[in-house]
Amino acid sequence: MAVMTHASAHPTTVDYSNLPTTVQDAFDRYMRKADNAGTGDDYRDAMTDAAITAGIPVPASKDIARCSCLNDAGGCGCGAIFDAHTDGVVVTAPNAPNKNLSELQCPGCGHDHPRPIAD
């Protein structure tokens, strides 16, 4: 008897670069909202909306990120959207004053070409 496994209906990461422009714009709005939100529900709601818009499951942490390599001049162009609490994530820039979001590299980029805050 063969056992069949089913692929997840939703990937745990997506590539921002492959999203339609309208979806990128909506995702960016939610991420800006999260970055500027006060503590509590506003932040979690914005992150939930951003994850749903990108098409990934909302992580338990309610905290997602887009790989900083997409816009980093020395980066590889990776646009992964991922759970910010995944093992192997590398912080490339801390959050600015009065902002919530740091710049992060996905685990793949953090492993292959880390650009940590301090080398």
PDB file of N, CA and C in Angstrom:
ATOM      1  N   MET A   1       0.841  -1.170   0.000  1.00  0.00           N
ATOM      2  CA  MET A   1       0.000   0.000   0.000  1.00  0.00           C
ATOM      3  C   MET A   1       0.891   1.240   0.000  1.00  0.00           C
ATOM      4  N   ALA A   2       0.641   2.104  -0.928  1.00  0.00           N
ATOM      5  CA  ALA A   2       1.416   3.340  -1.038  1.00  0.00           C
ATOM      6  C   ALA A   2       0.824   4.408  -0.128  1.00  0.00           C
ATOM      7  N   VAL A   3       1.709   5.136   0.508  1.00  0.00           N
ATOM      8  CA  VAL A   3       1.271   6.245   1.352  1.00  0.00           C
ATOM      9  C   VAL A   3       1.547   7.527   0.598  1.00  0.00           C
ATOM     10  N   MET A   4       0.528   8.352   0.501  1.00  0.00           N
ATOM     11  CA  MET A   4       0.678   9.602  -0.220  1.00  0.00           C
ATOM     12  C   MET A   4       0.776  10.753   0.767  1.00  0.00           C
ATOM     13  N   THR A   5       1.738  11.599   0.557  1.00  0.00           N
ATOM     14  CA  THR A   5       1.819  12.797   1.372  1.00  0.00           C
ATOM     15  C   THR A   5       1.394  13.968   0.513  1.00  0.00           C
ATOM     16  N   HIS A   6       0.756  14.911   1.133  1.00  0.00           N
ATOM     17  CA  HIS A   6       0.267  16.070   0.406  1.00  0.00           C
ATOM     18  C   HIS A   6       1.139  17.273   0.712  1.00  0.00           C
ATOM     19  N   ALA A   7       1.443  18.010  -0.309  1.00  0.00           N
ATOM     20  CA  ALA A   7       2.206  19.247  -0.124  1.00  0.00           C
ATOM     21  C   ALA A   7       1.331  20.258   0.598  1.00  0.00           C
ATOM     22  N   SER A   8       1.970  21.115   1.332  1.00  0.00           N
ATOM     23  CA  SER A   8       1.261  22.170   2.023  1.00  0.00           C
ATOM     24  C   SER A   8       0.509  23.031   1.022  1.00  0.00           C
ATOM     25  N   ALA A   9      -0.702  23.425   1.374  1.00  0.00           N
ATOM     26  CA  ALA A   9      -1.502  24.264   0.493  1.00  0.00           C
ATOM     27  C   ALA A   9      -0.872  25.647   0.353  1.00  0.00           C
ATOM     28  N   HIS A  10      -0.135  26.062   1.352  1.00  0.00           N
ATOM     29  CA  HIS A  10       0.507  27.376   1.326  1.00  0.00           C
ATOM     30  C   HIS A  10       1.983  27.218   1.668  1.00  0.00           C
ATOM     31  N   PRO A  11       2.859  27.745   0.828  1.00  0.00           N
ATOM     32  CA  PRO A  11       4.287  27.672   1.152  1.00  0.00           C
ATOM     33  C   PRO A  11       4.586  28.520   2.386  1.00  0.00           C
ATOM     34  N   THR A  12       5.658  28.176   3.098  1.00  0.00           N
ATOM     35  CA  THR A  12       6.020  28.947   4.289  1.00  0.00           C
ATOM     36  C   THR A  12       6.820  30.188   3.930  1.00  0.00           C
ATOM     37  N   THR A  13       7.338  30.248   2.712  1.00  0.00           N
ATOM     38  CA  THR A  13       7.995  31.456   2.208  1.00  0.00           C
ATOM     39  C   THR A  13       7.540  31.678   0.770  1.00  0.00           C
ATOM     40  N   VAL A  14       7.582  32.922   0.352  1.00  0.00           N
ATOM     41  CA  VAL A  14       7.330  33.266  -1.043  1.00  0.00           C
ATOM     42  C   VAL A  14       8.379  34.290  -1.449  1.00  0.00           C
ATOM     43  N   ASP A  15       8.561  34.453  -2.740  1.00  0.00           N
ATOM     44  CA  ASP A  15       9.511  35.435  -3.258  1.00  0.00           C
ATOM     45  C   ASP A  15       8.746  36.707  -3.614  1.00  0.00           C
ATOM     46  N   TYR A  16       9.049  37.769  -2.904  1.00  0.00           N
ATOM     47  CA  TYR A  16       8.426  39.065  -3.119  1.00  0.00           C
ATOM     48  C   TYR A  16       8.497  39.465  -4.593  1.00  0.00           C
ATOM     49  N   SER A  17       9.620  39.193  -5.240  1.00  0.00           N
ATOM     50  CA  SER A  17       9.832  39.582  -6.635  1.00  0.00           C
ATOM     51  C   SER A  17       8.850  38.917  -7.584  1.00  0.00           C
ATOM     52  N   ASN A  18       8.306  37.763  -7.190  1.00  0.00           N
ATOM     53  CA  ASN A  18       7.369  37.042  -8.046  1.00  0.00           C
ATOM     54  C   ASN A  18       5.916  37.437  -7.823  1.00  0.00           C
ATOM     55  N   LEU A  19       5.666  38.287  -6.835  1.00  0.00           N
ATOM     56  CA  LEU A  19       4.297  38.723  -6.567  1.00  0.00           C
ATOM     57  C   LEU A  19       3.888  39.805  -7.564  1.00  0.00           C
ATOM     58  N   PRO A  20       2.610  39.831  -7.958  1.00  0.00           N
ATOM     59  CA  PRO A  20       2.142  40.923  -8.823  1.00  0.00           C
ATOM     60  C   PRO A  20       2.340  42.272  -8.129  1.00  0.00           C
ATOM     61  N   THR A  21       2.524  43.308  -8.900  1.00  0.00           N
ATOM     62  CA  THR A  21       2.779  44.646  -8.367  1.00  0.00           C
ATOM     63  C   THR A  21       1.706  45.083  -7.379  1.00  0.00           C
ATOM     64  N   THR A  22       0.453  44.782  -7.668  1.00  0.00           N
ATOM     65  CA  THR A  22      -0.621  45.187  -6.751  1.00  0.00           C
ATOM     66  C   THR A  22      -0.492  44.483  -5.408  1.00  0.00           C
ATOM     67  N   VAL A  23      -0.051  43.236  -5.419  1.00  0.00           N
ATOM     68  CA  VAL A  23       0.152  42.481  -4.176  1.00  0.00           C
ATOM     69  C   VAL A  23       1.380  43.031  -3.449  1.00  0.00           C
ATOM     70  N   GLN A  24       2.456  43.329  -4.177  1.00  0.00           N
ATOM     71  CA  GLN A  24       3.637  43.942  -3.559  1.00  0.00           C
ATOM     72  C   GLN A  24       3.262  45.259  -2.872  1.00  0.00           C
ATOM     73  N   ASP A  25       2.462  46.079  -3.557  1.00  0.00           N
ATOM     74  CA  ASP A  25       2.056  47.366  -2.986  1.00  0.00           C
ATOM     75  C   ASP A  25       1.259  47.179  -1.706  1.00  0.00           C
ATOM     76  N   ALA A  26       0.324  46.229  -1.706  1.00  0.00           N
ATOM     77  CA  ALA A  26      -0.483  45.971  -0.506  1.00  0.00           C
ATOM     78  C   ALA A  26       0.404  45.426   0.613  1.00  0.00           C
ATOM     79  N   PHE A  27       1.291  44.489   0.277  1.00  0.00           N
ATOM     80  CA  PHE A  27       2.218  43.937   1.270  1.00  0.00           C
ATOM     81  C   PHE A  27       3.066  45.056   1.881  1.00  0.00           C
ATOM     82  N   ASP A  28       3.608  45.930   1.038  1.00  0.00           N
ATOM     83  CA  ASP A  28       4.430  47.046   1.521  1.00  0.00           C
ATOM     84  C   ASP A  28       3.636  47.961   2.456  1.00  0.00           C
ATOM     85  N   ARG A  29       2.388  48.231   2.136  1.00  0.00           N
ATOM     86  CA  ARG A  29       1.542  49.071   3.005  1.00  0.00           C
ATOM     87  C   ARG A  29       1.376  48.434   4.376  1.00  0.00           C
ATOM     88  N   TYR A  30       1.097  47.126   4.403  1.00  0.00           N
ATOM     89  CA  TYR A  30       0.934  46.439   5.693  1.00  0.00           C
ATOM     90  C   TYR A  30       2.231  46.425   6.485  1.00  0.00           C
ATOM     91  N   MET A  31       3.362  46.241   5.803  1.00  0.00           N
ATOM     92  CA  MET A  31       4.645  46.241   6.507  1.00  0.00           C
ATOM     93  C   MET A  31       4.966  47.635   7.059  1.00  0.00           C
ATOM     94  N   ARG A  32       4.658  48.688   6.303  1.00  0.00           N
ATOM     95  CA  ARG A  32       4.852  50.052   6.827  1.00  0.00           C
ATOM     96  C   ARG A  32       3.938  50.293   8.026  1.00  0.00           C
ATOM     97  N   LYS A  33       2.724  49.792   7.931  1.00  0.00           N
ATOM     98  CA  LYS A  33       1.788  49.931   9.050  1.00  0.00           C
ATOM     99  C   LYS A  33       2.341  49.223  10.289  1.00  0.00           C
ATOM    100  N   ALA A  34       2.872  48.021  10.115  1.00  0.00           N
ATOM    101  CA  ALA A  34       3.461  47.282  11.235  1.00  0.00           C
ATOM    102  C   ALA A  34       4.678  48.014  11.784  1.00  0.00           C
ATOM    103  N   ASP A  35       5.489  48.567  10.901  1.00  0.00           N
ATOM    104  CA  ASP A  35       6.700  49.261  11.328  1.00  0.00           C
ATOM    105  C   ASP A  35       6.372  50.489  12.182  1.00  0.00           C
ATOM    106  N   ASN A  36       5.262  51.123  11.884  1.00  0.00           N
ATOM    107  CA  ASN A  36       4.880  52.346  12.587  1.00  0.00           C
ATOM    108  C   ASN A  36       3.824  52.121  13.667  1.00  0.00           C
ATOM    109  N   ALA A  37       3.389  50.891  13.856  1.00  0.00           N
ATOM    110  CA  ALA A  37       2.322  50.598  14.818  1.00  0.00           C
ATOM    111  C   ALA A  37       2.815  50.704  16.252  1.00  0.00           C
ATOM    112  N   GLY A  38       1.887  51.011  17.115  1.00  0.00           N
ATOM    113  CA  GLY A  38       2.184  50.923  18.538  1.00  0.00           C
ATOM    114  C   GLY A  38       2.208  49.448  18.923  1.00  0.00           C
ATOM    115  N   THR A  39       2.416  49.182  20.169  1.00  0.00           N
ATOM    116  CA  THR A  39       2.434  47.787  20.601  1.00  0.00           C
ATOM    117  C   THR A  39       1.019  47.236  20.602  1.00  0.00           C
ATOM    118  N   GLY A  40       0.923  45.937  20.544  1.00  0.00           N
ATOM    119  CA  GLY A  40      -0.371  45.287  20.678  1.00  0.00           C
ATOM    120  C   GLY A  40      -1.008  44.899  19.365  1.00  0.00           C
ATOM    121  N   ASP A  41      -2.322  45.042  19.339  1.00  0.00           N
ATOM    122  CA  ASP A  41      -3.115  44.530  18.225  1.00  0.00           C
ATOM    123  C   ASP A  41      -2.792  45.171  16.883  1.00  0.00           C
ATOM    124  N   ASP A  42      -2.479  46.457  16.839  1.00  0.00           N
ATOM    125  CA  ASP A  42      -2.199  47.113  15.563  1.00  0.00           C
ATOM    126  C   ASP A  42      -1.032  46.443  14.845  1.00  0.00           C
ATOM    127  N   TYR A  43       0.026  46.135  15.578  1.00  0.00           N
ATOM    128  CA  TYR A  43       1.189  45.465  14.989  1.00  0.00           C
ATOM    129  C   TYR A  43       0.816  44.064  14.517  1.00  0.00           C
ATOM    130  N   ARG A  44       0.195  43.295  15.393  1.00  0.00           N
ATOM    131  CA  ARG A  44      -0.160  41.911  15.039  1.00  0.00           C
ATOM    132  C   ARG A  44      -1.138  41.871  13.868  1.00  0.00           C
ATOM    133  N   ASP A  45      -2.102  42.796  13.845  1.00  0.00           N
ATOM    134  CA  ASP A  45      -3.059  42.830  12.740  1.00  0.00           C
ATOM    135  C   ASP A  45      -2.373  43.158  11.417  1.00  0.00           C
ATOM    136  N   ALA A  46      -1.447  44.123  11.434  1.00  0.00           N
ATOM    137  CA  ALA A  46      -0.734  44.484  10.209  1.00  0.00           C
ATOM    138  C   ALA A  46       0.128  43.321   9.717  1.00  0.00           C
ATOM    139  N   MET A  47       0.798  42.634  10.631  1.00  0.00           N
ATOM    140  CA  MET A  47       1.626  41.488  10.249  1.00  0.00           C
ATOM    141  C   MET A  47       0.763  40.344   9.710  1.00  0.00           C
ATOM    142  N   THR A  48      -0.374  40.120  10.333  1.00  0.00           N
ATOM    143  CA  THR A  48      -1.296  39.083   9.854  1.00  0.00           C
ATOM    144  C   THR A  48      -1.760  39.419   8.445  1.00  0.00           C
ATOM    145  N   ASP A  49      -2.155  40.669   8.229  1.00  0.00           N
ATOM    146  CA  ASP A  49      -2.597  41.083   6.893  1.00  0.00           C
ATOM    147  C   ASP A  49      -1.471  40.961   5.873  1.00  0.00           C
ATOM    148  N   ALA A  50      -0.246  41.297   6.258  1.00  0.00           N
ATOM    149  CA  ALA A  50       0.894  41.190   5.341  1.00  0.00           C
ATOM    150  C   ALA A  50       1.144  39.729   4.956  1.00  0.00           C
ATOM    151  N   ALA A  51       1.107  38.827   5.927  1.00  0.00           N
ATOM    152  CA  ALA A  51       1.326  37.402   5.639  1.00  0.00           C
ATOM    153  C   ALA A  51       0.243  36.860   4.711  1.00  0.00           C
ATOM    154  N   ILE A  52      -0.998  37.176   5.012  1.00  0.00           N
ATOM    155  CA  ILE A  52      -2.111  36.700   4.180  1.00  0.00           C
ATOM    156  C   ILE A  52      -1.986  37.261   2.769  1.00  0.00           C
ATOM    157  N   THR A  53      -1.646  38.530   2.660  1.00  0.00           N
ATOM    158  CA  THR A  53      -1.488  39.169   1.352  1.00  0.00           C
ATOM    159  C   THR A  53      -0.381  38.492   0.549  1.00  0.00           C
ATOM    160  N   ALA A  54       0.721  38.150   1.213  1.00  0.00           N
ATOM    161  CA  ALA A  54       1.843  37.486   0.530  1.00  0.00           C
ATOM    162  C   ALA A  54       1.526  36.035   0.192  1.00  0.00           C
ATOM    163  N   GLY A  55       0.550  35.452   0.880  1.00  0.00           N
ATOM    164  CA  GLY A  55       0.177  34.067   0.596  1.00  0.00           C
ATOM    165  C   GLY A  55       0.913  33.042   1.428  1.00  0.00           C
ATOM    166  N   ILE A  56       1.418  33.458   2.598  1.00  0.00           N
ATOM    167  CA  ILE A  56       2.070  32.502   3.489  1.00  0.00           C
ATOM    168  C   ILE A  56       1.227  32.345   4.752  1.00  0.00           C
ATOM    169  N   PRO A  57       1.361  31.209   5.432  1.00  0.00           N
ATOM    170  CA  PRO A  57       0.639  31.040   6.693  1.00  0.00           C
ATOM    171  C   PRO A  57       1.112  32.075   7.713  1.00  0.00           C
ATOM    172  N   VAL A  58       0.195  32.548   8.523  1.00  0.00           N
ATOM    173  CA  VAL A  58       0.548  33.502   9.575  1.00  0.00           C
ATOM    174  C   VAL A  58       1.308  32.730  10.645  1.00  0.00           C
ATOM    175  N   PRO A  59       2.572  33.103  10.902  1.00  0.00           N
ATOM    176  CA  PRO A  59       3.336  32.365  11.905  1.00  0.00           C
ATOM    177  C   PRO A  59       2.818  32.646  13.312  1.00  0.00           C
ATOM    178  N   ALA A  60       3.071  31.742  14.222  1.00  0.00           N
ATOM    179  CA  ALA A  60       2.640  31.906  15.615  1.00  0.00           C
ATOM    180  C   ALA A  60       3.186  33.199  16.200  1.00  0.00           C
ATOM    181  N   SER A  61       4.369  33.600  15.756  1.00  0.00           N
ATOM    182  CA  SER A  61       4.998  34.820  16.271  1.00  0.00           C
ATOM    183  C   SER A  61       4.296  36.086  15.787  1.00  0.00           C
ATOM    184  N   LYS A  62       3.494  35.963  14.747  1.00  0.00           N
ATOM    185  CA  LYS A  62       2.857  37.118  14.095  1.00  0.00           C
ATOM    186  C   LYS A  62       3.920  38.129  13.657  1.00  0.00           C
ATOM    187  N   ASP A  63       5.066  37.631  13.225  1.00  0.00           N
ATOM    188  CA  ASP A  63       6.189  38.492  12.887  1.00  0.00           C
ATOM    189  C   ASP A  63       6.851  37.947  11.625  1.00  0.00           C
ATOM    190  N   ILE A  64       6.709  38.653  10.503  1.00  0.00           N
ATOM    191  CA  ILE A  64       7.322  38.221   9.252  1.00  0.00           C
ATOM    192  C   ILE A  64       8.300  39.289   8.779  1.00  0.00           C
ATOM    193  N   ALA A  65       9.103  38.936   7.787  1.00  0.00           N
ATOM    194  CA  ALA A  65      10.079  39.863   7.229  1.00  0.00           C
ATOM    195  C   ALA A  65      10.279  39.541   5.758  1.00  0.00           C
ATOM    196  N   ARG A  66      10.845  40.499   5.056  1.00  0.00           N
ATOM    197  CA  ARG A  66      11.290  40.295   3.678  1.00  0.00           C
ATOM    198  C   ARG A  66      12.803  40.370   3.702  1.00  0.00           C
ATOM    199  N   CYS A  67      13.465  39.439   3.028  1.00  0.00           N
ATOM    200  CA  CYS A  67      14.922  39.370   3.050  1.00  0.00           C
ATOM    201  C   CYS A  67      15.532  40.695   2.604  1.00  0.00           C
ATOM    202  N   SER A  68      16.466  41.196   3.399  1.00  0.00           N
ATOM    203  CA  SER A  68      17.099  42.477   3.099  1.00  0.00           C
ATOM    204  C   SER A  68      18.000  42.404   1.871  1.00  0.00           C
ATOM    205  N   CYS A  69      18.289  41.215   1.375  1.00  0.00           N
ATOM    206  CA  CYS A  69      19.134  41.082   0.188  1.00  0.00           C
ATOM    207  C   CYS A  69      18.463  41.643  -1.066  1.00  0.00           C
ATOM    208  N   LEU A  70      17.146  41.809  -1.036  1.00  0.00           N
ATOM    209  CA  LEU A  70      16.451  42.323  -2.208  1.00  0.00           C
ATOM    210  C   LEU A  70      16.890  43.751  -2.517  1.00  0.00           C
ATOM    211  N   ASN A  71      17.047  44.573  -1.497  1.00  0.00           N
ATOM    212  CA  ASN A  71      17.381  45.981  -1.700  1.00  0.00           C
ATOM    213  C   ASN A  71      18.800  46.338  -1.297  1.00  0.00           C
ATOM    214  N   ASP A  72      19.534  45.386  -0.755  1.00  0.00           N
ATOM    215  CA  ASP A  72      20.898  45.639  -0.308  1.00  0.00           C
ATOM    216  C   ASP A  72      21.824  45.674  -1.519  1.00  0.00           C
ATOM    217  N   ALA A  73      22.596  46.741  -1.634  1.00  0.00           N
ATOM    218  CA  ALA A  73      23.492  46.906  -2.788  1.00  0.00           C
ATOM    219  C   ALA A  73      24.446  45.723  -2.944  1.00  0.00           C
ATOM    220  N   GLY A  74      24.838  45.099  -1.849  1.00  0.00           N
ATOM    221  CA  GLY A  74      25.743  43.961  -1.927  1.00  0.00           C
ATOM    222  C   GLY A  74      25.021  42.631  -1.829  1.00  0.00           C
ATOM    223  N   GLY A  75      23.709  42.675  -1.811  1.00  0.00           N
ATOM    224  CA  GLY A  75      22.922  41.454  -1.642  1.00  0.00           C
ATOM    225  C   GLY A  75      22.720  40.707  -2.940  1.00  0.00           C
ATOM    226  N   CYS A  76      22.111  39.552  -2.827  1.00  0.00           N
ATOM    227  CA  CYS A  76      21.939  38.674  -3.983  1.00  0.00           C
ATOM    228  C   CYS A  76      20.624  38.915  -4.718  1.00  0.00           C
ATOM    229  N   GLY A  77      19.752  39.753  -4.156  1.00  0.00           N
ATOM    230  CA  GLY A  77      18.464  39.995  -4.794  1.00  0.00           C
ATOM    231  C   GLY A  77      17.361  39.096  -4.284  1.00  0.00           C
ATOM    232  N   CYS A  78      17.647  38.312  -3.248  1.00  0.00           N
ATOM    233  CA  CYS A  78      16.638  37.420  -2.675  1.00  0.00           C
ATOM    234  C   CYS A  78      15.489  38.257  -2.101  1.00  0.00           C
ATOM    235  N   GLY A  79      14.288  37.885  -2.412  1.00  0.00           N
ATOM    236  CA  GLY A  79      13.119  38.593  -1.916  1.00  0.00           C
ATOM    237  C   GLY A  79      12.241  37.717  -1.045  1.00  0.00           C
ATOM    238  N   ALA A  80      12.822  36.739  -0.372  1.00  0.00           N
ATOM    239  CA  ALA A  80      12.034  35.816   0.447  1.00  0.00           C
ATOM    240  C   ALA A  80      11.243  36.570   1.511  1.00  0.00           C
ATOM    241  N   ILE A  81       9.989  36.188   1.677  1.00  0.00           N
ATOM    242  CA  ILE A  81       9.147  36.658   2.776  1.00  0.00           C
ATOM    243  C   ILE A  81       9.018  35.454   3.699  1.00  0.00           C
ATOM    244  N   PHE A  82       9.319  35.639   4.989  1.00  0.00           N
ATOM    245  CA  PHE A  82       9.457  34.500   5.892  1.00  0.00           C
ATOM    246  C   PHE A  82       9.124  34.879   7.326  1.00  0.00           C
ATOM    247  N   ASP A  83       8.971  33.863   8.173  1.00  0.00           N
ATOM    248  CA  ASP A  83       8.779  34.049   9.614  1.00  0.00           C
ATOM    249  C   ASP A  83      10.071  34.630  10.176  1.00  0.00           C
ATOM    250  N   ALA A  84       9.972  35.788  10.804  1.00  0.00           N
ATOM    251  CA  ALA A  84      11.158  36.487  11.313  1.00  0.00           C
ATOM    252  C   ALA A  84      11.838  35.743  12.464  1.00  0.00           C
ATOM    253  N   HIS A  85      11.181  34.733  13.015  1.00  0.00           N
ATOM    254  CA  HIS A  85      11.751  33.987  14.137  1.00  0.00           C
ATOM    255  C   HIS A  85      12.285  32.621  13.720  1.00  0.00           C
ATOM    256  N   THR A  86      12.496  32.424  12.437  1.00  0.00           N
ATOM    257  CA  THR A  86      13.039  31.176  11.930  1.00  0.00           C
ATOM    258  C   THR A  86      14.517  31.074  12.319  1.00  0.00           C
ATOM    259  N   ASP A  87      14.945  29.875  12.705  1.00  0.00           N
ATOM    260  CA  ASP A  87      16.361  29.661  13.006  1.00  0.00           C
ATOM    261  C   ASP A  87      17.205  30.033  11.799  1.00  0.00           C
ATOM    262  N   GLY A  88      18.304  30.733  12.028  1.00  0.00           N
ATOM    263  CA  GLY A  88      19.222  31.084  10.971  1.00  0.00           C
ATOM    264  C   GLY A  88      19.025  32.474  10.391  1.00  0.00           C
ATOM    265  N   VAL A  89      18.010  33.199  10.842  1.00  0.00           N
ATOM    266  CA  VAL A  89      17.796  34.563  10.374  1.00  0.00           C
ATOM    267  C   VAL A  89      18.940  35.440  10.876  1.00  0.00           C
ATOM    268  N   VAL A  90      19.427  36.352  10.024  1.00  0.00           N
ATOM    269  CA  VAL A  90      20.528  37.244  10.375  1.00  0.00           C
ATOM    270  C   VAL A  90      20.018  38.689  10.354  1.00  0.00           C
ATOM    271  N   VAL A  91      20.290  39.425  11.428  1.00  0.00           N
ATOM    272  CA  VAL A  91      19.924  40.845  11.493  1.00  0.00           C
ATOM    273  C   VAL A  91      21.003  41.634  10.758  1.00  0.00           C
ATOM    274  N   THR A  92      20.590  42.405   9.728  1.00  0.00           N
ATOM    275  CA  THR A  92      21.543  43.207   8.970  1.00  0.00           C
ATOM    276  C   THR A  92      21.505  44.682   9.369  1.00  0.00           C
ATOM    277  N   ALA A  93      20.406  45.111   9.972  1.00  0.00           N
ATOM    278  CA  ALA A  93      20.299  46.486  10.482  1.00  0.00           C
ATOM    279  C   ALA A  93      19.215  46.493  11.556  1.00  0.00           C
ATOM    280  N   PRO A  94      19.518  47.067  12.712  1.00  0.00           N
ATOM    281  CA  PRO A  94      18.520  47.102  13.779  1.00  0.00           C
ATOM    282  C   PRO A  94      17.399  48.075  13.419  1.00  0.00           C
ATOM    283  N   ASN A  95      16.297  47.955  14.144  1.00  0.00           N
ATOM    284  CA  ASN A  95      15.205  48.886  13.891  1.00  0.00           C
ATOM    285  C   ASN A  95      15.621  50.302  14.291  1.00  0.00           C
ATOM    286  N   ALA A  96      15.139  51.262  13.529  1.00  0.00           N
ATOM    287  CA  ALA A  96      15.421  52.672  13.804  1.00  0.00           C
ATOM    288  C   ALA A  96      14.570  53.119  14.996  1.00  0.00           C
ATOM    289  N   PRO A  97      14.940  54.233  15.621  1.00  0.00           N
ATOM    290  CA  PRO A  97      14.115  54.736  16.729  1.00  0.00           C
ATOM    291  C   PRO A  97      12.662  54.929  16.272  1.00  0.00           C
ATOM    292  N   ASN A  98      11.752  54.555  17.136  1.00  0.00           N
ATOM    293  CA  ASN A  98      10.310  54.663  16.881  1.00  0.00           C
ATOM    294  C   ASN A  98       9.828  53.800  15.724  1.00  0.00           C
ATOM    295  N   LYS A  99      10.588  52.777  15.370  1.00  0.00           N
ATOM    296  CA  LYS A  99      10.200  51.818  14.335  1.00  0.00           C
ATOM    297  C   LYS A  99      10.244  50.432  14.951  1.00  0.00           C
ATOM    298  N   ASN A 100       9.475  49.515  14.376  1.00  0.00           N
ATOM    299  CA  ASN A 100       9.395  48.160  14.911  1.00  0.00           C
ATOM    300  C   ASN A 100      10.242  47.141  14.159  1.00  0.00           C
ATOM    301  N   LEU A 101      10.534  47.389  12.896  1.00  0.00           N
ATOM    302  CA  LEU A 101      11.137  46.361  12.059  1.00  0.00           C
ATOM    303  C   LEU A 101      12.628  46.562  11.841  1.00  0.00           C
ATOM    304  N   SER A 102      13.372  45.496  12.061  1.00  0.00           N
ATOM    305  CA  SER A 102      14.788  45.455  11.719  1.00  0.00           C
ATOM    306  C   SER A 102      14.903  44.915  10.301  1.00  0.00           C
ATOM    307  N   GLU A 103      16.050  45.093   9.676  1.00  0.00           N
ATOM    308  CA  GLU A 103      16.299  44.454   8.390  1.00  0.00           C
ATOM    309  C   GLU A 103      16.898  43.084   8.673  1.00  0.00           C
ATOM    310  N   LEU A 104      16.348  42.065   8.007  1.00  0.00           N
ATOM    311  CA  LEU A 104      16.753  40.683   8.251  1.00  0.00           C
ATOM    312  C   LEU A 104      17.088  39.973   6.951  1.00  0.00           C
ATOM    313  N   GLN A 105      17.997  39.023   7.035  1.00  0.00           N
ATOM    314  CA  GLN A 105      18.252  38.101   5.938  1.00  0.00           C
ATOM    315  C   GLN A 105      17.555  36.790   6.263  1.00  0.00           C
ATOM    316  N   CYS A 106      17.005  36.153   5.238  1.00  0.00           N
ATOM    317  CA  CYS A 106      16.417  34.834   5.420  1.00  0.00           C
ATOM    318  C   CYS A 106      17.521  33.846   5.796  1.00  0.00           C
ATOM    319  N   PRO A 107      17.177  32.679   6.334  1.00  0.00           N
ATOM    320  CA  PRO A 107      18.206  31.711   6.735  1.00  0.00           C
ATOM    321  C   PRO A 107      19.136  31.294   5.595  1.00  0.00           C
ATOM    322  N   GLY A 108      18.633  31.155   4.382  1.00  0.00           N
ATOM    323  CA  GLY A 108      19.480  30.762   3.263  1.00  0.00           C
ATOM    324  C   GLY A 108      20.564  31.794   2.987  1.00  0.00           C
ATOM    325  N   CYS A 109      20.166  33.058   2.937  1.00  0.00           N
ATOM    326  CA  CYS A 109      21.143  34.129   2.700  1.00  0.00           C
ATOM    327  C   CYS A 109      22.052  34.306   3.912  1.00  0.00           C
ATOM    328  N   GLY A 110      21.487  34.166   5.107  1.00  0.00           N
ATOM    329  CA  GLY A 110      22.286  34.280   6.322  1.00  0.00           C
ATOM    330  C   GLY A 110      23.374  33.218   6.378  1.00  0.00           C
ATOM    331  N   HIS A 111      23.094  32.058   5.798  1.00  0.00           N
ATOM    332  CA  HIS A 111      24.077  30.979   5.754  1.00  0.00           C
ATOM    333  C   HIS A 111      25.067  31.190   4.612  1.00  0.00           C
ATOM    334  N   ASP A 112      24.558  31.544   3.427  1.00  0.00           N
ATOM    335  CA  ASP A 112      25.397  31.617   2.230  1.00  0.00           C
ATOM    336  C   ASP A 112      26.263  32.870   2.158  1.00  0.00           C
ATOM    337  N   HIS A 113      25.747  33.997   2.597  1.00  0.00           N
ATOM    338  CA  HIS A 113      26.507  35.250   2.523  1.00  0.00           C
ATOM    339  C   HIS A 113      26.023  36.215   3.598  1.00  0.00           C
ATOM    340  N   PRO A 114      26.329  35.897   4.837  1.00  0.00           N
ATOM    341  CA  PRO A 114      25.831  36.730   5.939  1.00  0.00           C
ATOM    342  C   PRO A 114      26.374  38.150   5.894  1.00  0.00           C
ATOM    343  N   ARG A 115      25.499  39.094   6.170  1.00  0.00           N
ATOM    344  CA  ARG A 115      25.866  40.494   6.268  1.00  0.00           C
ATOM    345  C   ARG A 115      25.363  40.998   7.619  1.00  0.00           C
ATOM    346  N   PRO A 116      25.935  40.477   8.708  1.00  0.00           N
ATOM    347  CA  PRO A 116      25.446  40.870  10.023  1.00  0.00           C
ATOM    348  C   PRO A 116      25.754  42.323  10.334  1.00  0.00           C
ATOM    349  N   ILE A 117      25.135  42.811  11.377  1.00  0.00           N
ATOM    350  CA  ILE A 117      25.355  44.196  11.799  1.00  0.00           C
ATOM    351  C   ILE A 117      26.837  44.448  12.025  1.00  0.00           C
ATOM    352  N   ALA A 118      27.499  43.536  12.704  1.00  0.00           N
ATOM    353  CA  ALA A 118      28.945  43.655  12.957  1.00  0.00           C
ATOM    354  C   ALA A 118      29.614  42.394  12.475  1.00  0.00           C
ATOM    355  N   ASP A 119      30.550  42.525  11.569  1.00  0.00           N
ATOM    356  CA  ASP A 119      31.268  41.338  11.049  1.00  0.00           C
ATOM    357  C   ASP A 119      32.263  40.812  12.054  1.00  0.00           C
TER     358      ASP A 119
END
